[in-house]
């Protein structure tokens, strides 16, 4: 049975089993996602404002 999921980057169907780039459909989509994390497009919200302010001051 083949599992097919949507690529998180481009939303096309991508086979999960045997795909070296899973959950992405290609290396390109994987690198786009990595770049978004590296530039700060994706962030995990911080509940404590003081911690965020300390990090900005560094």
C-alpha atoms as a PDB file:
ATOM      1  CA  UNK A   1       0.000   0.000   0.000  1.00  0.00           C
ATOM      2  CA  UNK A   2       1.400   3.366  -1.049  1.00  0.00           C
ATOM      3  CA  UNK A   3       0.887   6.369   1.208  1.00  0.00           C
ATOM      4  CA  UNK A   4       0.480   9.674  -0.612  1.00  0.00           C
ATOM      5  CA  UNK A   5       0.607  12.980   1.260  1.00  0.00           C
ATOM      6  CA  UNK A   6       0.558  16.622   0.210  1.00  0.00           C
ATOM      7  CA  UNK A   7       3.961  18.306   0.075  1.00  0.00           C
ATOM      8  CA  UNK A   8       4.010  20.980   2.826  1.00  0.00           C
ATOM      9  CA  UNK A   9       5.680  23.478   0.477  1.00  0.00           C
ATOM     10  CA  UNK A  10       3.930  23.181  -2.909  1.00  0.00           C
ATOM     11  CA  UNK A  11       0.894  21.066  -1.929  1.00  0.00           C
ATOM     12  CA  UNK A  12       1.365  18.506  -4.742  1.00  0.00           C
ATOM     13  CA  UNK A  13       0.885  14.815  -4.060  1.00  0.00           C
ATOM     14  CA  UNK A  14       4.076  13.136  -2.844  1.00  0.00           C
ATOM     15  CA  UNK A  15       4.655   9.461  -2.178  1.00  0.00           C
ATOM     16  CA  UNK A  16       5.793   8.877   1.396  1.00  0.00           C
ATOM     17  CA  UNK A  17       7.321   5.411   1.097  1.00  0.00           C
ATOM     18  CA  UNK A  18      10.660   5.331  -0.692  1.00  0.00           C
ATOM     19  CA  UNK A  19      10.829   9.121  -1.051  1.00  0.00           C
ATOM     20  CA  UNK A  20      14.228  10.400   0.182  1.00  0.00           C
ATOM     21  CA  UNK A  21      12.821  13.939   0.561  1.00  0.00           C
ATOM     22  CA  UNK A  22       9.725  13.017   2.570  1.00  0.00           C
ATOM     23  CA  UNK A  23       7.487  14.661   3.576  1.00  0.00           C
ATOM     24  CA  UNK A  24       8.419  16.935   0.664  1.00  0.00           C
ATOM     25  CA  UNK A  25       8.021  16.021  -3.007  1.00  0.00           C
ATOM     26  CA  UNK A  26      11.534  17.102  -4.037  1.00  0.00           C
ATOM     27  CA  UNK A  27      14.852  18.437  -2.826  1.00  0.00           C
ATOM     28  CA  UNK A  28      13.792  21.896  -4.033  1.00  0.00           C
ATOM     29  CA  UNK A  29      10.752  21.974  -1.735  1.00  0.00           C
ATOM     30  CA  UNK A  30      12.848  20.644   1.144  1.00  0.00           C
ATOM     31  CA  UNK A  31      15.393  23.450   0.674  1.00  0.00           C
ATOM     32  CA  UNK A  32      12.678  26.101   0.377  1.00  0.00           C
ATOM     33  CA  UNK A  33      11.329  24.970   3.755  1.00  0.00           C
ATOM     34  CA  UNK A  34      14.801  24.941   5.311  1.00  0.00           C
ATOM     35  CA  UNK A  35      15.406  28.463   4.002  1.00  0.00           C
ATOM     36  CA  UNK A  36      12.146  29.670   5.546  1.00  0.00           C
ATOM     37  CA  UNK A  37      13.243  28.364   8.959  1.00  0.00           C
ATOM     38  CA  UNK A  38      16.713  29.883   8.541  1.00  0.00           C
ATOM     39  CA  UNK A  39      15.377  33.352   7.705  1.00  0.00           C
ATOM     40  CA  UNK A  40      12.872  33.320  10.560  1.00  0.00           C
ATOM     41  CA  UNK A  41       9.723  33.036   8.457  1.00  0.00           C
ATOM     42  CA  UNK A  42       8.650  30.184  10.753  1.00  0.00           C
ATOM     43  CA  UNK A  43       8.863  30.787  14.476  1.00  0.00           C
ATOM     44  CA  UNK A  44       7.602  29.049  17.564  1.00  0.00           C
ATOM     45  CA  UNK A  45       5.756  31.660  19.655  1.00  0.00           C
ATOM     46  CA  UNK A  46       7.156  32.553  23.033  1.00  0.00           C
ATOM     47  CA  UNK A  47       4.752  32.860  25.950  1.00  0.00           C
ATOM     48  CA  UNK A  48       7.121  34.957  28.069  1.00  0.00           C
ATOM     49  CA  UNK A  49       7.830  38.423  26.641  1.00  0.00           C
ATOM     50  CA  UNK A  50      10.880  38.926  28.896  1.00  0.00           C
ATOM     51  CA  UNK A  51      12.689  35.972  27.310  1.00  0.00           C
ATOM     52  CA  UNK A  52      12.018  37.366  23.840  1.00  0.00           C
ATOM     53  CA  UNK A  53      13.317  40.801  24.873  1.00  0.00           C
ATOM     54  CA  UNK A  54      16.491  39.260  26.355  1.00  0.00           C
ATOM     55  CA  UNK A  55      17.194  37.437  23.110  1.00  0.00           C
ATOM     56  CA  UNK A  56      16.741  40.643  21.094  1.00  0.00           C
ATOM     57  CA  UNK A  57      19.224  42.457  23.358  1.00  0.00           C
ATOM     58  CA  UNK A  58      21.949  39.864  22.710  1.00  0.00           C
END
